Amino acid sequence: MFATGWSLFVLIFDVVIVGITVQQYQSRDYVSTAGTVTLSEVVQKTGSKGHVSYTPHIAYRYELGGSHYFSERVRFGNVPSDSGSASAMVAAHGVGTAVTVYYDPKNPAKSLLLPGIEGADLIGLLFLTPFNAAAIVLCGVSGGWLRERTIHPLAGGVKIIRAGMTTRARLPHYPPWMWGVATTGLLGFVFVFIVLIGTQGQPSLSQMAGALAVVYLGGFGIYSWQWWKRSTGIFDLVIDANARTVTLPLTFGRKEPLTARWAEITGLIVLTIPHRGSKGGTSYTYAPTLAIQRVDQQLADWSDEMRAQDFVEWLRKELGI
């Protein structure tokens, strides 16, 4: 329910901000005509926390084919919200000033004064990146939870690879897509502050393009790296039915693969691991754990107990325990 609510909330903002950005981009193809400013003033608004914003309020009229049109749109996207920039724009568009109006040839009543994309128009896309990343992770985790309870996949949904008498169970803690999405969200959060502080909220188009490229290519790079590591098999639990051995991967503190004979296995259970939060709350994860000569060797660590139990049940059958 939380994942659905969060995702719908973020989706609404996505639609609004992306829609505004697309319209501003499309305005570069608008047709120009002459117009006259009929109203020009700075509107001052005070927010609930005392923050004061300044918005240029400019109205203008233009004539096309004998029809008169009026508009108050300066641009679809970002407009100045500080006193200096708003005052400068109003001063440049005084009442009676002749201006160039850009209108949609398919809808002449749809017009603006400043067409085309600017760097500030892309700030919203960067700002939404961490929120979208959180939504994707929440939906992915919730989808996995639902999949476990509806489809009940083999071995808790762990990828099983069989080749002759050898069976591999791929056991990364987090899948590559989650690494990539989380990295993209984190970079997006950091770069919002870098852009806003470094450019005083007025980045150029090239600066914003560069920031977005770093954020999304960085996430893709981490995804690719994790996917490659996973494909090498270093996270695989390897069961050799012919040699009757099991090899544990380089995870949970193991510096090298640990190979044990089935006869050395003294237990296979799911451990419940408590995690205390900074505010005193406690959450739990569930760790399939193999005891080899009475020494616990953790195999995985999941937040879903059913998934952990299903994997242990599968492994017990594979090892004949």
C-alpha atoms as a PDB file:
ATOM      1  CA  MET A   1       0.000   0.000   0.000  1.00  0.00           C
ATOM      2  CA  PHE A   2       2.812   2.386   0.832  1.00  0.00           C
ATOM      3  CA  ALA A   3       4.627   1.561  -2.409  1.00  0.00           C
ATOM      4  CA  THR A   4       1.444   2.158  -4.416  1.00  0.00           C
ATOM      5  CA  GLY A   5       0.677   5.438  -2.677  1.00  0.00           C
ATOM      6  CA  TRP A   6       4.237   6.710  -3.034  1.00  0.00           C
ATOM      7  CA  SER A   7       4.407   5.722  -6.704  1.00  0.00           C
ATOM      8  CA  LEU A   8       1.095   7.401  -7.565  1.00  0.00           C
ATOM      9  CA  PHE A   9       2.174  10.554  -5.734  1.00  0.00           C
ATOM     10  CA  VAL A  10       5.469  10.682  -7.648  1.00  0.00           C
ATOM     11  CA  LEU A  11       3.752   9.806 -10.931  1.00  0.00           C
ATOM     12  CA  ILE A  12       1.479  12.850 -10.645  1.00  0.00           C
ATOM     13  CA  PHE A  13       4.493  15.138 -10.329  1.00  0.00           C
ATOM     14  CA  ASP A  14       6.216  13.289 -13.187  1.00  0.00           C
ATOM     15  CA  VAL A  15       3.282  13.903 -15.495  1.00  0.00           C
ATOM     16  CA  VAL A  16       3.033  17.592 -14.551  1.00  0.00           C
ATOM     17  CA  ILE A  17       6.738  18.427 -14.764  1.00  0.00           C
ATOM     18  CA  VAL A  18       7.462  16.331 -17.852  1.00  0.00           C
ATOM     19  CA  GLY A  19       4.373  17.788 -19.532  1.00  0.00           C
ATOM     20  CA  ILE A  20       5.513  21.356 -18.871  1.00  0.00           C
ATOM     21  CA  THR A  21       9.033  20.577 -20.088  1.00  0.00           C
ATOM     22  CA  VAL A  22       7.732  18.960 -23.285  1.00  0.00           C
ATOM     23  CA  GLN A  23       5.482  21.938 -24.041  1.00  0.00           C
ATOM     24  CA  GLN A  24       8.362  24.346 -23.501  1.00  0.00           C
ATOM     25  CA  TYR A  25      10.531  22.248 -25.827  1.00  0.00           C
ATOM     26  CA  GLN A  26       7.815  22.152 -28.505  1.00  0.00           C
ATOM     27  CA  SER A  27       7.453  25.939 -28.364  1.00  0.00           C
ATOM     28  CA  ARG A  28      10.724  26.265 -30.275  1.00  0.00           C
ATOM     29  CA  ASP A  29       8.658  25.499 -33.410  1.00  0.00           C
ATOM     30  CA  TYR A  30       6.041  28.185 -32.715  1.00  0.00           C
ATOM     31  CA  VAL A  31       5.393  30.954 -35.277  1.00  0.00           C
ATOM     32  CA  SER A  32       6.229  34.550 -34.346  1.00  0.00           C
ATOM     33  CA  THR A  33       4.080  37.650 -34.682  1.00  0.00           C
ATOM     34  CA  ALA A  34       4.001  41.181 -33.294  1.00  0.00           C
ATOM     35  CA  GLY A  35       2.273  41.943 -30.001  1.00  0.00           C
ATOM     36  CA  THR A  36       1.890  44.703 -27.432  1.00  0.00           C
ATOM     37  CA  VAL A  37       2.255  44.528 -23.648  1.00  0.00           C
ATOM     38  CA  THR A  38      -0.934  45.557 -21.828  1.00  0.00           C
ATOM     39  CA  LEU A  39       0.085  44.795 -18.233  1.00  0.00           C
ATOM     40  CA  SER A  40       3.449  44.475 -16.532  1.00  0.00           C
ATOM     41  CA  GLU A  41       4.024  44.109 -12.788  1.00  0.00           C
ATOM     42  CA  VAL A  42       5.877  42.085 -10.159  1.00  0.00           C
ATOM     43  CA  VAL A  43       3.618  39.903  -8.011  1.00  0.00           C
ATOM     44  CA  GLN A  44       4.925  39.295  -4.499  1.00  0.00           C
ATOM     45  CA  LYS A  45       3.780  36.232  -2.562  1.00  0.00           C
ATOM     46  CA  THR A  46       4.655  35.146   0.968  1.00  0.00           C
ATOM     47  CA  GLY A  47       4.662  31.444   1.705  1.00  0.00           C
ATOM     48  CA  SER A  48       3.534  29.659   4.872  1.00  0.00           C
ATOM     49  CA  LYS A  49       7.076  29.720   6.255  1.00  0.00           C
ATOM     50  CA  GLY A  50       7.683  33.362   5.443  1.00  0.00           C
ATOM     51  CA  HIS A  51       9.531  32.773   2.166  1.00  0.00           C
ATOM     52  CA  VAL A  52       8.859  35.574  -0.300  1.00  0.00           C
ATOM     53  CA  SER A  53       8.721  34.906  -4.049  1.00  0.00           C
ATOM     54  CA  TYR A  54       8.525  37.406  -6.872  1.00  0.00           C
ATOM     55  CA  THR A  55       6.832  36.547 -10.168  1.00  0.00           C
ATOM     56  CA  PRO A  56       6.642  38.728 -13.281  1.00  0.00           C
ATOM     57  CA  HIS A  57       3.008  39.183 -14.340  1.00  0.00           C
ATOM     58  CA  ILE A  58       2.993  40.246 -17.974  1.00  0.00           C
ATOM     59  CA  ALA A  59      -0.075  40.381 -20.210  1.00  0.00           C
ATOM     60  CA  TYR A  60      -0.030  41.082 -23.929  1.00  0.00           C
ATOM     61  CA  ARG A  61      -2.272  41.102 -26.965  1.00  0.00           C
ATOM     62  CA  TYR A  62      -1.713  40.181 -30.607  1.00  0.00           C
ATOM     63  CA  GLU A  63      -3.763  39.992 -33.779  1.00  0.00           C
ATOM     64  CA  LEU A  64      -3.943  37.173 -36.311  1.00  0.00           C
ATOM     65  CA  GLY A  65      -6.194  37.189 -39.365  1.00  0.00           C
ATOM     66  CA  GLY A  66      -8.513  39.813 -37.930  1.00  0.00           C
ATOM     67  CA  SER A  67      -8.883  37.982 -34.575  1.00  0.00           C
ATOM     68  CA  HIS A  68      -7.559  39.503 -31.364  1.00  0.00           C
ATOM     69  CA  TYR A  69      -5.842  37.316 -28.782  1.00  0.00           C
ATOM     70  CA  PHE A  70      -4.740  37.979 -25.205  1.00  0.00           C
ATOM     71  CA  SER A  71      -2.285  35.965 -23.122  1.00  0.00           C
ATOM     72  CA  GLU A  72      -0.395  36.168 -19.814  1.00  0.00           C
ATOM     73  CA  ARG A  73       2.038  33.329 -20.482  1.00  0.00           C
ATOM     74  CA  VAL A  74       5.716  34.239 -20.459  1.00  0.00           C
ATOM     75  CA  ARG A  75       6.801  30.598 -20.810  1.00  0.00           C
ATOM     76  CA  PHE A  76       5.515  27.137 -19.896  1.00  0.00           C
ATOM     77  CA  GLY A  77       8.477  26.372 -17.717  1.00  0.00           C
ATOM     78  CA  ASN A  78      10.509  28.176 -15.108  1.00  0.00           C
ATOM     79  CA  VAL A  79      10.054  31.931 -14.580  1.00  0.00           C
ATOM     80  CA  PRO A  80      12.156  34.136 -12.255  1.00  0.00           C
ATOM     81  CA  SER A  81      11.174  33.934  -8.578  1.00  0.00           C
ATOM     82  CA  ASP A  82      13.702  36.400  -7.127  1.00  0.00           C
ATOM     83  CA  SER A  83      13.163  40.127  -6.871  1.00  0.00           C
ATOM     84  CA  GLY A  84      16.017  41.181  -9.145  1.00  0.00           C
ATOM     85  CA  SER A  85      15.222  38.871 -12.066  1.00  0.00           C
ATOM     86  CA  ALA A  86      11.481  39.478 -11.877  1.00  0.00           C
ATOM     87  CA  SER A  87      11.962  43.261 -11.782  1.00  0.00           C
ATOM     88  CA  ALA A  88      14.368  43.137 -14.724  1.00  0.00           C
ATOM     89  CA  MET A  89      11.887  41.180 -16.818  1.00  0.00           C
ATOM     90  CA  VAL A  90       9.055  43.588 -15.979  1.00  0.00           C
ATOM     91  CA  ALA A  91      11.285  46.576 -16.798  1.00  0.00           C
ATOM     92  CA  ALA A  92      12.080  45.057 -20.196  1.00  0.00           C
ATOM     93  CA  HIS A  93       8.387  44.520 -20.924  1.00  0.00           C
ATOM     94  CA  GLY A  94       6.757  47.781 -19.897  1.00  0.00           C
ATOM     95  CA  VAL A  95       3.144  48.564 -20.761  1.00  0.00           C
ATOM     96  CA  GLY A  96       2.857  49.551 -24.425  1.00  0.00           C
ATOM     97  CA  THR A  97       6.131  47.861 -25.356  1.00  0.00           C
ATOM     98  CA  ALA A  98       6.156  46.039 -28.682  1.00  0.00           C
ATOM     99  CA  VAL A  99       7.050  42.362 -28.180  1.00  0.00           C
ATOM    100  CA  THR A 100       7.511  39.285 -30.322  1.00  0.00           C
ATOM    101  CA  VAL A 101       4.823  36.735 -29.533  1.00  0.00           C
ATOM    102  CA  TYR A 102       5.294  33.061 -30.378  1.00  0.00           C
ATOM    103  CA  TYR A 103       2.103  31.058 -30.959  1.00  0.00           C
ATOM    104  CA  ASP A 104       1.104  27.526 -31.824  1.00  0.00           C
ATOM    105  CA  PRO A 105       0.049  27.518 -35.505  1.00  0.00           C
ATOM    106  CA  LYS A 106      -2.472  24.758 -34.685  1.00  0.00           C
ATOM    107  CA  ASN A 107      -3.917  26.759 -31.803  1.00  0.00           C
ATOM    108  CA  PRO A 108      -3.211  30.527 -32.175  1.00  0.00           C
ATOM    109  CA  ALA A 109      -4.581  31.254 -28.688  1.00  0.00           C
ATOM    110  CA  LYS A 110      -1.710  29.222 -27.209  1.00  0.00           C
ATOM    111  CA  SER A 111       1.279  31.556 -27.044  1.00  0.00           C
ATOM    112  CA  LEU A 112       4.251  32.704 -24.999  1.00  0.00           C
ATOM    113  CA  LEU A 113       7.047  35.255 -25.049  1.00  0.00           C
ATOM    114  CA  LEU A 114      10.111  33.083 -24.385  1.00  0.00           C
ATOM    115  CA  PRO A 115      10.175  29.813 -26.379  1.00  0.00           C
ATOM    116  CA  GLY A 116      12.670  26.951 -26.187  1.00  0.00           C
ATOM    117  CA  ILE A 117      14.360  24.969 -23.440  1.00  0.00           C
ATOM    118  CA  GLU A 118      16.654  26.517 -20.818  1.00  0.00           C
ATOM    119  CA  GLY A 119      18.777  24.797 -18.214  1.00  0.00           C
ATOM    120  CA  ALA A 120      16.361  25.716 -15.425  1.00  0.00           C
ATOM    121  CA  ASP A 121      13.613  23.761 -17.191  1.00  0.00           C
ATOM    122  CA  LEU A 122      15.487  20.526 -16.477  1.00  0.00           C
ATOM    123  CA  ILE A 123      15.906  21.110 -12.730  1.00  0.00           C
ATOM    124  CA  GLY A 124      12.525  19.484 -12.102  1.00  0.00           C
ATOM    125  CA  LEU A 125      13.626  16.304 -13.887  1.00  0.00           C
ATOM    126  CA  LEU A 126      16.765  16.144 -11.767  1.00  0.00           C
ATOM    127  CA  PHE A 127      14.807  16.908  -8.584  1.00  0.00           C
ATOM    128  CA  LEU A 128      12.374  14.056  -9.258  1.00  0.00           C
ATOM    129  CA  THR A 129      15.119  11.498  -9.918  1.00  0.00           C
ATOM    130  CA  PRO A 130      15.607  10.309  -6.287  1.00  0.00           C
ATOM    131  CA  PHE A 131      11.825  10.157  -5.769  1.00  0.00           C
ATOM    132  CA  ASN A 132      11.406   8.052  -8.907  1.00  0.00           C
ATOM    133  CA  ALA A 133      14.296   5.819  -7.836  1.00  0.00           C
ATOM    134  CA  ALA A 134      12.627   5.228  -4.463  1.00  0.00           C
ATOM    135  CA  ALA A 135       9.338   4.414  -6.227  1.00  0.00           C
ATOM    136  CA  ILE A 136      11.033   1.864  -8.504  1.00  0.00           C
ATOM    137  CA  VAL A 137      12.785   0.151  -5.581  1.00  0.00           C
ATOM    138  CA  LEU A 138       9.583   0.077  -3.521  1.00  0.00           C
ATOM    139  CA  CYS A 139       7.621  -1.407  -6.421  1.00  0.00           C
ATOM    140  CA  GLY A 140      10.375  -3.932  -7.138  1.00  0.00           C
ATOM    141  CA  VAL A 141      10.533  -5.108  -3.519  1.00  0.00           C
ATOM    142  CA  SER A 142       6.735  -5.214  -3.232  1.00  0.00           C
ATOM    143  CA  GLY A 143       6.498  -7.086  -6.539  1.00  0.00           C
ATOM    144  CA  GLY A 144       8.947  -9.677  -5.285  1.00  0.00           C
ATOM    145  CA  TRP A 145       6.948 -10.048  -2.072  1.00  0.00           C
ATOM    146  CA  LEU A 146       3.726 -10.588  -4.052  1.00  0.00           C
ATOM    147  CA  ARG A 147       5.445 -12.987  -6.477  1.00  0.00           C
ATOM    148  CA  GLU A 148       6.649 -15.133  -3.581  1.00  0.00           C
ATOM    149  CA  ARG A 149       3.116 -15.398  -2.206  1.00  0.00           C
ATOM    150  CA  THR A 150       1.222 -15.908  -5.457  1.00  0.00           C
ATOM    151  CA  ILE A 151       3.533 -17.863  -7.756  1.00  0.00           C
ATOM    152  CA  HIS A 152       5.696 -19.370  -4.993  1.00  0.00           C
ATOM    153  CA  PRO A 153       8.810 -19.710  -7.194  1.00  0.00           C
ATOM    154  CA  LEU A 154      11.401 -22.433  -6.733  1.00  0.00           C
ATOM    155  CA  ALA A 155      14.086 -21.751  -4.106  1.00  0.00           C
ATOM    156  CA  GLY A 156      12.530 -18.433  -3.114  1.00  0.00           C
ATOM    157  CA  GLY A 157      13.019 -17.006  -6.589  1.00  0.00           C
ATOM    158  CA  VAL A 158      16.806 -17.539  -6.611  1.00  0.00           C
ATOM    159  CA  LYS A 159      18.186 -18.186 -10.093  1.00  0.00           C
ATOM    160  CA  ILE A 160      19.135 -21.855 -10.422  1.00  0.00           C
ATOM    161  CA  ILE A 161      21.636 -22.929 -13.111  1.00  0.00           C
ATOM    162  CA  ARG A 162      22.126 -26.639 -13.776  1.00  0.00           C
ATOM    163  CA  ALA A 163      24.943 -28.134 -15.828  1.00  0.00           C
ATOM    164  CA  GLY A 164      25.272 -31.889 -15.614  1.00  0.00           C
ATOM    165  CA  MET A 165      25.894 -32.888 -11.989  1.00  0.00           C
ATOM    166  CA  THR A 166      26.642 -29.301 -10.971  1.00  0.00           C
ATOM    167  CA  THR A 167      23.987 -26.880  -9.707  1.00  0.00           C
ATOM    168  CA  ARG A 168      24.533 -23.171  -9.118  1.00  0.00           C
ATOM    169  CA  ALA A 169      22.311 -20.956  -6.964  1.00  0.00           C
ATOM    170  CA  ARG A 170      22.949 -17.250  -7.634  1.00  0.00           C
ATOM    171  CA  LEU A 171      22.876 -15.445  -4.287  1.00  0.00           C
ATOM    172  CA  PRO A 172      23.607 -11.714  -4.473  1.00  0.00           C
ATOM    173  CA  HIS A 173      22.076  -9.705  -1.628  1.00  0.00           C
ATOM    174  CA  TYR A 174      20.776  -7.004  -3.945  1.00  0.00           C
ATOM    175  CA  PRO A 175      20.083  -7.518  -7.680  1.00  0.00           C
ATOM    176  CA  PRO A 176      22.006  -5.396 -10.232  1.00  0.00           C
ATOM    177  CA  TRP A 177      18.943  -3.316 -11.153  1.00  0.00           C
ATOM    178  CA  MET A 178      18.528  -2.243  -7.534  1.00  0.00           C
ATOM    179  CA  TRP A 179      22.170  -1.160  -7.364  1.00  0.00           C
ATOM    180  CA  GLY A 180      21.727   0.874 -10.544  1.00  0.00           C
ATOM    181  CA  VAL A 181      18.472   2.526  -9.487  1.00  0.00           C
ATOM    182  CA  ALA A 182      19.741   3.310  -5.977  1.00  0.00           C
ATOM    183  CA  THR A 183      22.937   4.842  -7.392  1.00  0.00           C
ATOM    184  CA  THR A 184      20.938   6.970  -9.825  1.00  0.00           C
ATOM    185  CA  GLY A 185      18.713   8.209  -7.001  1.00  0.00           C
ATOM    186  CA  LEU A 186      21.663   9.026  -4.751  1.00  0.00           C
ATOM    187  CA  LEU A 187      23.519  10.877  -7.512  1.00  0.00           C
ATOM    188  CA  GLY A 188      20.324  12.766  -8.368  1.00  0.00           C
ATOM    189  CA  PHE A 189      19.934  13.878  -4.752  1.00  0.00           C
ATOM    190  CA  VAL A 190      23.552  15.075  -4.577  1.00  0.00           C
ATOM    191  CA  PHE A 191      23.533  16.848  -7.939  1.00  0.00           C
ATOM    192  CA  VAL A 192      20.356  18.797  -7.116  1.00  0.00           C
ATOM    193  CA  PHE A 193      22.319  20.638  -4.433  1.00  0.00           C
ATOM    194  CA  ILE A 194      25.444  20.930  -6.571  1.00  0.00           C
ATOM    195  CA  VAL A 195      23.473  22.526  -9.411  1.00  0.00           C
ATOM    196  CA  LEU A 196      21.325  24.821  -7.263  1.00  0.00           C
ATOM    197  CA  ILE A 197      24.208  26.057  -5.117  1.00  0.00           C
ATOM    198  CA  GLY A 198      26.834  26.159  -7.853  1.00  0.00           C
ATOM    199  CA  THR A 199      24.679  28.097 -10.319  1.00  0.00           C
ATOM    200  CA  GLN A 200      22.439  29.975  -7.869  1.00  0.00           C
ATOM    201  CA  GLY A 201      19.448  28.211  -9.368  1.00  0.00           C
ATOM    202  CA  GLN A 202      20.139  29.366 -12.940  1.00  0.00           C
ATOM    203  CA  PRO A 203      22.131  26.600 -14.662  1.00  0.00           C
ATOM    204  CA  SER A 204      22.864  26.677 -18.358  1.00  0.00           C
ATOM    205  CA  LEU A 205      21.454  24.031 -20.658  1.00  0.00           C
ATOM    206  CA  SER A 206      24.876  22.423 -21.037  1.00  0.00           C
ATOM    207  CA  GLN A 207      25.382  22.307 -17.256  1.00  0.00           C
ATOM    208  CA  MET A 208      22.037  20.573 -16.750  1.00  0.00           C
ATOM    209  CA  ALA A 209      22.669  18.169 -19.617  1.00  0.00           C
ATOM    210  CA  GLY A 210      26.018  17.303 -18.057  1.00  0.00           C
ATOM    211  CA  ALA A 211      24.506  16.784 -14.592  1.00  0.00           C
ATOM    212  CA  LEU A 212      21.748  14.518 -15.931  1.00  0.00           C
ATOM    213  CA  ALA A 213      24.289  12.564 -17.985  1.00  0.00           C
ATOM    214  CA  VAL A 214      26.472  11.962 -14.908  1.00  0.00           C
ATOM    215  CA  VAL A 215      23.479  10.883 -12.814  1.00  0.00           C
ATOM    216  CA  TYR A 216      21.976   8.427 -15.283  1.00  0.00           C
ATOM    217  CA  LEU A 217      25.185   7.131 -16.825  1.00  0.00           C
ATOM    218  CA  GLY A 218      26.583   6.677 -13.318  1.00  0.00           C
ATOM    219  CA  GLY A 219      23.593   4.536 -12.374  1.00  0.00           C
ATOM    220  CA  PHE A 220      23.881   2.542 -15.586  1.00  0.00           C
ATOM    221  CA  GLY A 221      27.605   2.044 -14.972  1.00  0.00           C
ATOM    222  CA  ILE A 222      27.013   0.625 -11.477  1.00  0.00           C
ATOM    223  CA  TYR A 223      24.257  -1.613 -12.834  1.00  0.00           C
ATOM    224  CA  SER A 224      26.576  -2.912 -15.573  1.00  0.00           C
ATOM    225  CA  TRP A 225      29.399  -3.509 -13.103  1.00  0.00           C
ATOM    226  CA  GLN A 226      27.132  -5.436 -10.708  1.00  0.00           C
ATOM    227  CA  TRP A 227      25.641  -7.419 -13.593  1.00  0.00           C
ATOM    228  CA  TRP A 228      29.132  -8.366 -14.775  1.00  0.00           C
ATOM    229  CA  LYS A 229      30.229  -9.402 -11.276  1.00  0.00           C
ATOM    230  CA  ARG A 230      27.118 -11.504 -10.923  1.00  0.00           C
ATOM    231  CA  SER A 231      27.583 -13.147 -14.330  1.00  0.00           C
ATOM    232  CA  THR A 232      31.097 -14.302 -13.367  1.00  0.00           C
ATOM    233  CA  GLY A 233      29.568 -16.589 -10.745  1.00  0.00           C
ATOM    234  CA  ILE A 234      31.420 -15.172  -7.725  1.00  0.00           C
ATOM    235  CA  PHE A 235      28.094 -14.962  -5.858  1.00  0.00           C
ATOM    236  CA  ASP A 236      27.063 -18.526  -6.745  1.00  0.00           C
ATOM    237  CA  LEU A 237      26.536 -21.304  -4.264  1.00  0.00           C
ATOM    238  CA  VAL A 238      27.880 -24.358  -6.147  1.00  0.00           C
ATOM    239  CA  ILE A 239      26.602 -27.865  -5.468  1.00  0.00           C
ATOM    240  CA  ASP A 240      28.565 -30.748  -6.990  1.00  0.00           C
ATOM    241  CA  ALA A 241      26.382 -33.854  -6.709  1.00  0.00           C
ATOM    242  CA  ASN A 242      29.118 -36.082  -8.145  1.00  0.00           C
ATOM    243  CA  ALA A 243      31.805 -35.035  -5.623  1.00  0.00           C
ATOM    244  CA  ARG A 244      29.136 -34.465  -2.946  1.00  0.00           C
ATOM    245  CA  THR A 245      30.541 -31.039  -2.113  1.00  0.00           C
ATOM    246  CA  VAL A 246      29.107 -27.574  -1.708  1.00  0.00           C
ATOM    247  CA  THR A 247      31.148 -24.396  -2.357  1.00  0.00           C
ATOM    248  CA  LEU A 248      30.173 -21.136  -0.654  1.00  0.00           C
ATOM    249  CA  PRO A 249      30.788 -17.823  -2.472  1.00  0.00           C
ATOM    250  CA  LEU A 250      32.873 -14.791  -1.476  1.00  0.00           C
ATOM    251  CA  THR A 251      30.191 -13.161   0.624  1.00  0.00           C
ATOM    252  CA  PHE A 252      29.562 -12.413   4.301  1.00  0.00           C
ATOM    253  CA  GLY A 253      33.206 -12.100   5.274  1.00  0.00           C
ATOM    254  CA  ARG A 254      34.604 -15.062   3.362  1.00  0.00           C
ATOM    255  CA  LYS A 255      37.894 -14.100   1.724  1.00  0.00           C
ATOM    256  CA  GLU A 256      37.973 -17.161  -0.518  1.00  0.00           C
ATOM    257  CA  PRO A 257      35.456 -19.789  -1.644  1.00  0.00           C
ATOM    258  CA  LEU A 258      34.750 -22.355   1.062  1.00  0.00           C
ATOM    259  CA  THR A 259      34.270 -25.947  -0.123  1.00  0.00           C
ATOM    260  CA  ALA A 260      32.838 -28.549   2.229  1.00  0.00           C
ATOM    261  CA  ARG A 261      31.769 -32.169   1.867  1.00  0.00           C
ATOM    262  CA  TRP A 262      28.124 -32.904   2.501  1.00  0.00           C
ATOM    263  CA  ALA A 263      29.168 -35.095   5.432  1.00  0.00           C
ATOM    264  CA  GLU A 264      30.664 -32.021   7.137  1.00  0.00           C
ATOM    265  CA  ILE A 265      27.348 -30.157   7.150  1.00  0.00           C
ATOM    266  CA  THR A 266      25.824 -30.209  10.638  1.00  0.00           C
ATOM    267  CA  GLY A 267      22.831 -27.909  10.122  1.00  0.00           C
ATOM    268  CA  LEU A 268      20.834 -25.725   7.769  1.00  0.00           C
ATOM    269  CA  ILE A 269      18.444 -23.143   9.215  1.00  0.00           C
ATOM    270  CA  VAL A 270      17.103 -19.632   8.800  1.00  0.00           C
ATOM    271  CA  LEU A 271      18.482 -17.222  11.376  1.00  0.00           C
ATOM    272  CA  THR A 272      16.395 -14.200  12.384  1.00  0.00           C
ATOM    273  CA  ILE A 273      18.664 -11.173  12.662  1.00  0.00           C
ATOM    274  CA  PRO A 274      17.399  -8.067  14.529  1.00  0.00           C
ATOM    275  CA  HIS A 275      18.462  -4.591  13.371  1.00  0.00           C
ATOM    276  CA  ARG A 276      17.903  -1.719  15.781  1.00  0.00           C
ATOM    277  CA  GLY A 277      17.222   1.672  14.218  1.00  0.00           C
ATOM    278  CA  SER A 278      18.548   5.024  15.375  1.00  0.00           C
ATOM    279  CA  LYS A 279      15.129   5.866  16.869  1.00  0.00           C
ATOM    280  CA  GLY A 280      14.844   2.666  18.869  1.00  0.00           C
ATOM    281  CA  GLY A 281      12.759   0.631  16.416  1.00  0.00           C
ATOM    282  CA  THR A 282      13.706  -2.912  15.450  1.00  0.00           C
ATOM    283  CA  SER A 283      13.498  -4.550  12.037  1.00  0.00           C
ATOM    284  CA  TYR A 284      14.436  -8.094  11.072  1.00  0.00           C
ATOM    285  CA  THR A 285      16.134  -9.871   8.223  1.00  0.00           C
ATOM    286  CA  TYR A 286      16.264 -13.605   7.614  1.00  0.00           C
ATOM    287  CA  ALA A 287      19.505 -15.371   6.802  1.00  0.00           C
ATOM    288  CA  PRO A 288      19.733 -18.892   5.339  1.00  0.00           C
ATOM    289  CA  THR A 289      22.685 -20.308   7.258  1.00  0.00           C
ATOM    290  CA  LEU A 290      24.687 -23.482   6.686  1.00  0.00           C
ATOM    291  CA  ALA A 291      26.574 -24.976   9.641  1.00  0.00           C
ATOM    292  CA  ILE A 292      29.792 -26.675   8.552  1.00  0.00           C
ATOM    293  CA  GLN A 293      31.431 -28.602  11.380  1.00  0.00           C
ATOM    294  CA  ARG A 294      29.281 -26.494  13.735  1.00  0.00           C
ATOM    295  CA  VAL A 295      30.556 -23.186  12.329  1.00  0.00           C
ATOM    296  CA  ASP A 296      27.736 -20.997  10.957  1.00  0.00           C
ATOM    297  CA  GLN A 297      28.210 -19.828   7.375  1.00  0.00           C
ATOM    298  CA  GLN A 298      25.659 -17.245   6.234  1.00  0.00           C
ATOM    299  CA  LEU A 299      24.479 -17.634   2.648  1.00  0.00           C
ATOM    300  CA  ALA A 300      22.100 -14.714   2.143  1.00  0.00           C
ATOM    301  CA  ASP A 301      20.197 -12.017   4.029  1.00  0.00           C
ATOM    302  CA  TRP A 302      16.628 -11.219   3.002  1.00  0.00           C
ATOM    303  CA  SER A 303      13.837  -9.106   4.457  1.00  0.00           C
ATOM    304  CA  ASP A 304      11.273 -11.700   3.329  1.00  0.00           C
ATOM    305  CA  GLU A 305      11.136 -14.671   5.730  1.00  0.00           C
ATOM    306  CA  MET A 306       9.093 -16.801   3.324  1.00  0.00           C
ATOM    307  CA  ARG A 307      11.714 -16.410   0.622  1.00  0.00           C
ATOM    308  CA  ALA A 308      14.467 -17.447   3.033  1.00  0.00           C
ATOM    309  CA  GLN A 309      12.505 -20.483   4.225  1.00  0.00           C
ATOM    310  CA  ASP A 310      11.698 -21.575   0.664  1.00  0.00           C
ATOM    311  CA  PHE A 311      15.363 -21.362  -0.310  1.00  0.00           C
ATOM    312  CA  VAL A 312      16.453 -23.412   2.712  1.00  0.00           C
ATOM    313  CA  GLU A 313      13.792 -26.028   1.939  1.00  0.00           C
ATOM    314  CA  TRP A 314      15.093 -26.313  -1.633  1.00  0.00           C
ATOM    315  CA  LEU A 315      18.710 -26.551  -0.460  1.00  0.00           C
ATOM    316  CA  ARG A 316      17.847 -29.266   2.062  1.00  0.00           C
ATOM    317  CA  LYS A 317      16.420 -31.397  -0.753  1.00  0.00           C
ATOM    318  CA  GLU A 318      19.462 -30.763  -2.957  1.00  0.00           C
ATOM    319  CA  LEU A 319      21.882 -31.796  -0.201  1.00  0.00           C
ATOM    320  CA  GLY A 320      19.719 -34.613   1.124  1.00  0.00           C
ATOM    321  CA  ILE A 321      19.565 -33.092   4.588  1.00  0.00           C
END
